Amino acid sequence: MGFEDKIKRKKLRGFLGKIPEEWEKEWKGMPEWNQGDFAPFKSVIVHLRDQEALDSLSKFTGQRIMPKTRFVWYPRVEILHQGVVVEERGKRRFGEDDES
């Protein structure tokens, strides 16, 4: 859609009310999509003195922390493709597709 088309749509909107966007025409009848809230409650930076401290933290959280690990979730969550979080210790948290 070019600049002139946008101006025409804006003028028409004043006369006709809401004009559906191109994607809205194609979206009719499609299921609703809920992205979910993937933001953590709180993030903290932890400085570790040595490898022993890293190993201790890894054991405490029950998660393998490798040299390239940038973050971990606590408690541990399963993260699938596209950032969908499925389970947190046996209960559904994000990405809920069904009512089970």
N, C-alpha and C. Protein backbone atom coordinates (compact mmCIF):
# COMPACT_ATOMS: atom_id res chain seq x y z
N MET A 1 0.86 -1.17 0.00
CA MET A 1 0.00 0.00 0.00
C MET A 1 0.90 1.23 0.00
N GLY A 2 0.71 2.08 -0.98
CA GLY A 2 1.53 3.29 -1.11
C GLY A 2 1.03 4.42 -0.22
N PHE A 3 1.80 5.48 -0.20
CA PHE A 3 1.49 6.65 0.63
C PHE A 3 0.15 7.26 0.23
N GLU A 4 -0.10 7.39 -1.10
CA GLU A 4 -1.35 7.98 -1.57
C GLU A 4 -2.55 7.12 -1.18
N ASP A 5 -2.37 5.79 -1.22
CA ASP A 5 -3.46 4.89 -0.82
C ASP A 5 -3.81 5.09 0.65
N LYS A 6 -2.80 5.29 1.47
CA LYS A 6 -3.04 5.51 2.90
C LYS A 6 -3.82 6.79 3.13
N ILE A 7 -3.50 7.84 2.38
CA ILE A 7 -4.21 9.11 2.50
C ILE A 7 -5.67 8.93 2.07
N LYS A 8 -5.91 8.23 0.96
CA LYS A 8 -7.27 7.97 0.49
C LYS A 8 -8.07 7.20 1.53
N ARG A 9 -7.44 6.16 2.12
CA ARG A 9 -8.13 5.36 3.14
C ARG A 9 -8.49 6.22 4.35
N LYS A 10 -7.58 7.13 4.71
CA LYS A 10 -7.82 7.99 5.86
C LYS A 10 -9.01 8.92 5.60
N LYS A 11 -9.08 9.47 4.38
CA LYS A 11 -10.20 10.35 4.03
C LYS A 11 -11.50 9.57 3.99
N LEU A 12 -11.48 8.37 3.40
CA LEU A 12 -12.68 7.54 3.33
C LEU A 12 -13.17 7.14 4.72
N ARG A 13 -12.24 6.91 5.63
CA ARG A 13 -12.60 6.50 6.99
C ARG A 13 -13.52 7.54 7.63
N GLY A 14 -13.29 8.81 7.32
CA GLY A 14 -14.13 9.87 7.87
C GLY A 14 -15.56 9.78 7.36
N PHE A 15 -15.75 9.32 6.11
CA PHE A 15 -17.09 9.21 5.53
C PHE A 15 -17.74 7.86 5.83
N LEU A 16 -16.97 6.80 5.76
CA LEU A 16 -17.53 5.45 5.83
C LEU A 16 -17.36 4.76 7.18
N GLY A 17 -16.59 5.31 8.06
CA GLY A 17 -16.29 4.63 9.32
C GLY A 17 -15.07 3.75 9.14
N LYS A 18 -14.99 2.68 9.89
CA LYS A 18 -13.81 1.82 9.83
C LYS A 18 -13.76 1.02 8.54
N ILE A 19 -12.63 1.08 7.87
CA ILE A 19 -12.39 0.28 6.67
C ILE A 19 -11.43 -0.83 7.09
N PRO A 20 -11.79 -2.09 6.85
CA PRO A 20 -10.91 -3.17 7.28
C PRO A 20 -9.57 -3.15 6.54
N GLU A 21 -8.51 -3.46 7.27
CA GLU A 21 -7.19 -3.59 6.67
C GLU A 21 -7.19 -4.86 5.82
N GLU A 22 -6.18 -5.00 4.95
CA GLU A 22 -6.10 -6.17 4.07
C GLU A 22 -6.08 -7.47 4.87
N TRP A 23 -5.30 -7.51 5.96
CA TRP A 23 -5.19 -8.75 6.73
C TRP A 23 -6.51 -9.10 7.41
N GLU A 24 -7.33 -8.09 7.74
CA GLU A 24 -8.61 -8.35 8.41
C GLU A 24 -9.57 -9.09 7.50
N LYS A 25 -9.49 -8.83 6.18
CA LYS A 25 -10.34 -9.53 5.22
C LYS A 25 -10.01 -11.02 5.20
N GLU A 26 -8.72 -11.35 5.29
CA GLU A 26 -8.29 -12.74 5.25
C GLU A 26 -8.46 -13.45 6.59
N TRP A 27 -8.54 -12.71 7.66
CA TRP A 27 -8.53 -13.28 9.01
C TRP A 27 -9.91 -13.77 9.45
N LYS A 28 -10.97 -13.43 8.75
CA LYS A 28 -12.32 -13.83 9.16
C LYS A 28 -12.39 -15.35 9.32
N GLY A 29 -12.95 -15.78 10.45
CA GLY A 29 -13.13 -17.20 10.71
C GLY A 29 -11.90 -17.89 11.29
N MET A 30 -10.80 -17.16 11.42
CA MET A 30 -9.58 -17.76 11.97
C MET A 30 -9.70 -17.82 13.49
N PRO A 31 -9.05 -18.82 14.11
CA PRO A 31 -9.12 -18.91 15.58
C PRO A 31 -8.37 -17.76 16.24
N GLU A 32 -8.81 -17.42 17.43
CA GLU A 32 -8.15 -16.35 18.18
C GLU A 32 -6.78 -16.83 18.65
N TRP A 33 -5.80 -15.95 18.66
CA TRP A 33 -4.44 -16.30 19.09
C TRP A 33 -4.10 -15.49 20.33
N ASN A 34 -3.67 -16.18 21.36
CA ASN A 34 -3.26 -15.53 22.59
C ASN A 34 -1.78 -15.81 22.80
N GLN A 35 -0.95 -14.79 22.72
CA GLN A 35 0.50 -14.95 22.84
C GLN A 35 0.91 -15.39 24.24
N GLY A 36 0.23 -14.93 25.25
CA GLY A 36 0.62 -15.26 26.61
C GLY A 36 1.68 -14.31 27.13
N ASP A 37 1.88 -14.30 28.41
CA ASP A 37 2.87 -13.43 29.04
C ASP A 37 4.11 -14.25 29.34
N PHE A 38 5.19 -14.00 28.62
CA PHE A 38 6.42 -14.75 28.80
C PHE A 38 7.44 -14.01 29.66
N ALA A 39 7.06 -12.90 30.20
CA ALA A 39 7.99 -12.12 31.01
C ALA A 39 8.19 -12.78 32.37
N PRO A 40 9.42 -12.80 32.85
CA PRO A 40 9.65 -13.35 34.18
C PRO A 40 9.11 -12.41 35.25
N PHE A 41 8.81 -12.94 36.41
CA PHE A 41 8.37 -12.12 37.54
C PHE A 41 9.50 -11.18 37.96
N LYS A 42 10.73 -11.72 38.01
CA LYS A 42 11.89 -10.96 38.44
C LYS A 42 13.14 -11.57 37.82
N SER A 43 14.07 -10.73 37.39
CA SER A 43 15.37 -11.19 36.90
C SER A 43 16.45 -10.59 37.79
N VAL A 44 17.46 -11.39 38.11
CA VAL A 44 18.57 -10.92 38.92
C VAL A 44 19.89 -11.32 38.27
N ILE A 45 20.91 -10.54 38.51
CA ILE A 45 22.26 -10.88 38.06
C ILE A 45 23.00 -11.46 39.25
N VAL A 46 23.59 -12.64 39.06
CA VAL A 46 24.32 -13.31 40.13
C VAL A 46 25.78 -13.42 39.71
N HIS A 47 26.67 -12.97 40.56
CA HIS A 47 28.11 -13.07 40.29
C HIS A 47 28.64 -14.28 41.05
N LEU A 48 29.34 -15.17 40.34
CA LEU A 48 29.88 -16.38 40.95
C LEU A 48 31.39 -16.26 41.08
N ARG A 49 31.89 -16.58 42.26
CA ARG A 49 33.31 -16.41 42.56
C ARG A 49 34.20 -17.39 41.78
N ASP A 50 33.74 -18.67 41.64
CA ASP A 50 34.59 -19.67 41.00
C ASP A 50 33.74 -20.83 40.49
N GLN A 51 34.39 -21.85 39.93
CA GLN A 51 33.70 -23.01 39.38
C GLN A 51 32.91 -23.75 40.44
N GLU A 52 33.44 -23.79 41.64
CA GLU A 52 32.75 -24.47 42.75
C GLU A 52 31.41 -23.79 43.04
N ALA A 53 31.38 -22.48 43.01
CA ALA A 53 30.13 -21.75 43.22
C ALA A 53 29.15 -22.03 42.09
N LEU A 54 29.65 -22.10 40.86
CA LEU A 54 28.80 -22.42 39.71
C LEU A 54 28.21 -23.82 39.85
N ASP A 55 29.04 -24.76 40.23
CA ASP A 55 28.57 -26.14 40.42
C ASP A 55 27.52 -26.21 41.52
N SER A 56 27.72 -25.44 42.59
CA SER A 56 26.77 -25.41 43.70
C SER A 56 25.42 -24.83 43.24
N LEU A 57 25.48 -23.74 42.48
CA LEU A 57 24.24 -23.15 41.96
C LEU A 57 23.52 -24.11 41.02
N SER A 58 24.28 -24.77 40.17
CA SER A 58 23.72 -25.74 39.24
C SER A 58 23.01 -26.86 39.99
N LYS A 59 23.64 -27.36 41.03
CA LYS A 59 23.04 -28.43 41.84
C LYS A 59 21.78 -27.94 42.56
N PHE A 60 21.84 -26.72 43.10
CA PHE A 60 20.70 -26.15 43.82
C PHE A 60 19.48 -25.99 42.91
N THR A 61 19.71 -25.47 41.69
CA THR A 61 18.60 -25.23 40.78
C THR A 61 18.16 -26.49 40.04
N GLY A 62 19.02 -27.52 40.05
CA GLY A 62 18.70 -28.74 39.32
C GLY A 62 18.82 -28.56 37.82
N GLN A 63 19.62 -27.58 37.40
CA GLN A 63 19.79 -27.29 35.98
C GLN A 63 21.27 -27.26 35.62
N ARG A 64 21.56 -27.79 34.45
CA ARG A 64 22.94 -27.79 33.96
C ARG A 64 23.29 -26.38 33.48
N ILE A 65 24.31 -25.79 34.04
CA ILE A 65 24.73 -24.44 33.64
C ILE A 65 26.07 -24.58 32.93
N MET A 66 26.05 -24.36 31.62
CA MET A 66 27.22 -24.53 30.78
C MET A 66 27.94 -23.19 30.59
N PRO A 67 29.16 -23.21 30.04
CA PRO A 67 29.89 -21.95 29.83
C PRO A 67 29.13 -20.91 29.01
N LYS A 68 28.31 -21.34 28.05
CA LYS A 68 27.57 -20.39 27.22
C LYS A 68 26.15 -20.11 27.72
N THR A 69 25.77 -20.66 28.86
CA THR A 69 24.43 -20.43 29.41
C THR A 69 24.30 -18.96 29.79
N ARG A 70 23.25 -18.31 29.27
CA ARG A 70 23.04 -16.89 29.57
C ARG A 70 21.99 -16.67 30.65
N PHE A 71 21.05 -17.61 30.80
CA PHE A 71 20.02 -17.47 31.82
C PHE A 71 19.43 -18.85 32.14
N VAL A 72 18.79 -18.95 33.27
CA VAL A 72 18.02 -20.14 33.65
C VAL A 72 16.72 -19.66 34.27
N TRP A 73 15.70 -20.48 34.17
CA TRP A 73 14.44 -20.20 34.85
C TRP A 73 14.45 -20.97 36.16
N TYR A 74 13.98 -20.35 37.22
CA TYR A 74 13.81 -21.05 38.48
C TYR A 74 12.42 -20.77 39.02
N PRO A 75 11.63 -21.79 39.31
CA PRO A 75 11.92 -23.19 39.05
C PRO A 75 11.98 -23.48 37.55
N ARG A 76 12.59 -24.60 37.22
CA ARG A 76 12.83 -24.98 35.83
C ARG A 76 11.52 -25.06 35.05
N VAL A 77 11.56 -24.60 33.80
CA VAL A 77 10.41 -24.71 32.90
C VAL A 77 10.88 -25.34 31.60
N GLU A 78 9.97 -26.00 30.91
CA GLU A 78 10.26 -26.57 29.59
C GLU A 78 9.91 -25.53 28.55
N ILE A 79 10.85 -25.19 27.69
CA ILE A 79 10.61 -24.20 26.65
C ILE A 79 10.68 -24.90 25.30
N LEU A 80 9.59 -24.81 24.54
CA LEU A 80 9.53 -25.41 23.22
C LEU A 80 9.90 -24.37 22.17
N HIS A 81 9.81 -24.74 20.91
CA HIS A 81 10.12 -23.79 19.83
C HIS A 81 9.22 -22.58 19.91
N GLN A 82 9.66 -21.49 19.37
CA GLN A 82 8.96 -20.21 19.34
C GLN A 82 8.67 -19.66 20.73
N GLY A 83 9.46 -20.07 21.71
CA GLY A 83 9.36 -19.48 23.04
C GLY A 83 8.14 -19.89 23.83
N VAL A 84 7.44 -20.97 23.44
CA VAL A 84 6.25 -21.39 24.18
C VAL A 84 6.69 -22.20 25.40
N VAL A 85 6.34 -21.72 26.57
CA VAL A 85 6.65 -22.42 27.81
C VAL A 85 5.50 -23.34 28.14
N VAL A 86 5.80 -24.63 28.31
CA VAL A 86 4.72 -25.60 28.47
C VAL A 86 4.48 -26.00 29.93
N GLU A 87 5.49 -26.41 30.64
CA GLU A 87 5.26 -26.89 31.99
C GLU A 87 6.23 -26.31 32.99
N GLU A 88 5.73 -26.11 34.18
CA GLU A 88 6.55 -25.69 35.31
C GLU A 88 6.25 -26.66 36.44
N ARG A 89 7.14 -27.58 36.65
CA ARG A 89 6.97 -28.60 37.70
C ARG A 89 5.59 -29.26 37.65
N GLY A 90 5.20 -29.72 36.45
CA GLY A 90 3.98 -30.49 36.32
C GLY A 90 2.70 -29.71 36.09
N LYS A 91 2.72 -28.38 36.20
CA LYS A 91 1.50 -27.62 35.94
C LYS A 91 1.70 -26.74 34.72
N ARG A 92 0.64 -26.54 33.94
CA ARG A 92 0.74 -25.70 32.75
C ARG A 92 0.88 -24.25 33.16
N ARG A 93 1.72 -23.52 32.44
CA ARG A 93 1.91 -22.11 32.79
C ARG A 93 1.65 -21.19 31.62
N PHE A 94 2.32 -21.38 30.49
CA PHE A 94 2.14 -20.56 29.31
C PHE A 94 1.84 -21.46 28.13
N GLY A 95 1.35 -20.87 27.05
CA GLY A 95 1.10 -21.62 25.82
C GLY A 95 -0.01 -22.63 25.97
N GLU A 96 -1.00 -22.31 26.78
CA GLU A 96 -2.09 -23.24 27.04
C GLU A 96 -3.03 -23.30 25.84
N ASP A 97 -3.09 -24.49 25.21
CA ASP A 97 -3.93 -24.66 24.03
C ASP A 97 -5.27 -25.30 24.38
N ASP A 98 -5.32 -26.03 25.47
CA ASP A 98 -6.57 -26.72 25.80
C ASP A 98 -6.92 -26.48 27.25
N GLU A 99 -8.02 -27.00 27.66
CA GLU A 99 -8.53 -26.76 29.01
C GLU A 99 -8.09 -27.84 30.00
N SER A 100 -7.24 -28.79 29.60
CA SER A 100 -6.86 -29.89 30.49
C SER A 100 -5.88 -29.46 31.55
